[in-house]
């Protein structure tokens, strides 16, 4: 039987500080990997900062997360740990249907 070690991170993020938030998450990810964590879990919107509130309605805000998330993926690719990292997403072109 294989034991699974889960690491749950509590990250103090700053809204809109994509680089700094990613630096914090990477530091925690490295520590989890060093401690042989199997699954590392990070909070929602950890890259963009929480609570983003109405900023998630701005496409530019949403778009700024992806380079940071790609950086995280690149810098942790060699880790045996699997990470769950929360980002905000926007749904565009969704029409609301009204029941008649």
Protein backbone atom coordinates (compact mmCIF):
# COMPACT_ATOMS: atom_id res chain seq x y z
CA UNK A 1 0.00 0.00 0.00
CA UNK A 2 1.30 3.44 -0.96
CA UNK A 3 0.76 6.25 1.51
CA UNK A 4 -0.30 9.63 0.17
CA UNK A 5 1.06 12.70 1.90
CA UNK A 6 -1.09 15.81 1.35
CA UNK A 7 0.22 19.32 1.89
CA UNK A 8 -2.35 22.09 2.32
CA UNK A 9 -0.95 25.59 1.97
CA UNK A 10 -2.26 28.74 3.55
CA UNK A 11 -0.87 31.64 1.54
CA UNK A 12 -1.13 35.32 2.41
CA UNK A 13 -1.54 36.80 -1.07
CA UNK A 14 -1.80 40.34 -2.36
CA UNK A 15 -4.41 41.10 -5.03
CA UNK A 16 -2.71 41.79 -8.36
CA UNK A 17 0.81 40.92 -7.14
CA UNK A 18 1.20 38.04 -9.61
CA UNK A 19 5.01 37.81 -9.35
CA UNK A 20 5.13 38.01 -5.55
CA UNK A 21 2.26 35.57 -5.08
CA UNK A 22 3.93 33.10 -7.44
CA UNK A 23 7.22 33.49 -5.56
CA UNK A 24 5.42 32.59 -2.30
CA UNK A 25 3.69 29.60 -3.88
CA UNK A 26 6.94 28.36 -5.43
CA UNK A 27 8.68 28.58 -2.06
CA UNK A 28 5.95 26.49 -0.47
CA UNK A 29 5.98 24.04 -3.39
CA UNK A 30 9.72 23.53 -3.02
CA UNK A 31 9.28 22.86 0.69
CA UNK A 32 6.48 20.37 -0.03
CA UNK A 33 8.63 18.58 -2.59
CA UNK A 34 11.55 18.42 -0.14
CA UNK A 35 9.19 16.85 2.42
CA UNK A 36 8.02 14.20 -0.10
CA UNK A 37 4.46 15.55 -0.28
CA UNK A 38 2.41 13.60 -2.85
CA UNK A 39 -0.29 16.23 -3.44
CA UNK A 40 0.16 19.93 -2.70
CA UNK A 41 -3.01 22.02 -2.51
CA UNK A 42 -3.10 25.80 -2.75
CA UNK A 43 -6.05 28.18 -2.23
CA UNK A 44 -8.35 29.55 -4.89
CA UNK A 45 -7.04 32.58 -6.79
CA UNK A 46 -3.61 32.12 -5.19
CA UNK A 47 -1.81 33.48 -8.28
CA UNK A 48 -3.96 36.61 -8.70
CA UNK A 49 -4.54 37.18 -4.99
CA UNK A 50 -7.75 36.82 -3.04
CA UNK A 51 -10.29 38.39 -2.94
CA UNK A 52 -9.98 39.84 -6.42
CA UNK A 53 -13.61 41.05 -6.31
CA UNK A 54 -14.58 43.00 -9.44
CA UNK A 55 -11.06 42.81 -10.92
CA UNK A 56 -11.90 39.36 -12.30
CA UNK A 57 -14.24 41.11 -14.73
CA UNK A 58 -11.24 42.74 -16.43
CA UNK A 59 -9.76 40.48 -19.10
CA UNK A 60 -6.30 41.97 -18.52
CA UNK A 61 -6.38 40.91 -14.87
CA UNK A 62 -7.32 37.35 -15.82
CA UNK A 63 -4.69 37.24 -18.58
CA UNK A 64 -1.87 38.27 -16.20
CA UNK A 65 -2.28 35.00 -14.28
CA UNK A 66 -1.28 32.71 -17.13
CA UNK A 67 2.41 33.67 -17.41
CA UNK A 68 2.72 33.25 -13.64
CA UNK A 69 0.97 29.87 -13.74
CA UNK A 70 3.22 28.77 -16.63
CA UNK A 71 6.26 29.86 -14.60
CA UNK A 72 5.02 27.81 -11.65
CA UNK A 73 4.49 24.75 -13.89
CA UNK A 74 7.93 25.13 -15.47
CA UNK A 75 9.75 25.54 -12.14
CA UNK A 76 7.97 22.58 -10.51
CA UNK A 77 7.98 20.19 -13.50
CA UNK A 78 10.79 18.09 -12.02
CA UNK A 79 9.02 17.66 -8.66
CA UNK A 80 7.41 14.31 -7.86
CA UNK A 81 4.66 16.29 -6.10
CA UNK A 82 1.40 17.05 -7.93
CA UNK A 83 0.08 20.56 -7.24
CA UNK A 84 -3.40 22.05 -7.34
CA UNK A 85 -3.11 25.81 -7.86
CA UNK A 86 -6.14 28.10 -7.95
CA UNK A 87 -6.60 30.77 -10.60
CA UNK A 88 -9.55 32.94 -11.56
CA UNK A 89 -11.19 32.31 -14.92
CA UNK A 90 -13.68 34.36 -16.89
CA UNK A 91 -16.54 33.00 -18.93
CA UNK A 92 -17.14 35.01 -22.06
CA UNK A 93 -20.03 34.75 -24.45
CA UNK A 94 -22.29 32.93 -22.02
CA UNK A 95 -25.92 33.80 -22.57
CA UNK A 96 -28.39 33.51 -19.76
CA UNK A 97 -31.60 31.75 -20.64
CA UNK A 98 -34.80 32.94 -19.11
CA UNK A 99 -37.49 30.39 -18.36
CA UNK A 100 -40.85 31.36 -19.84
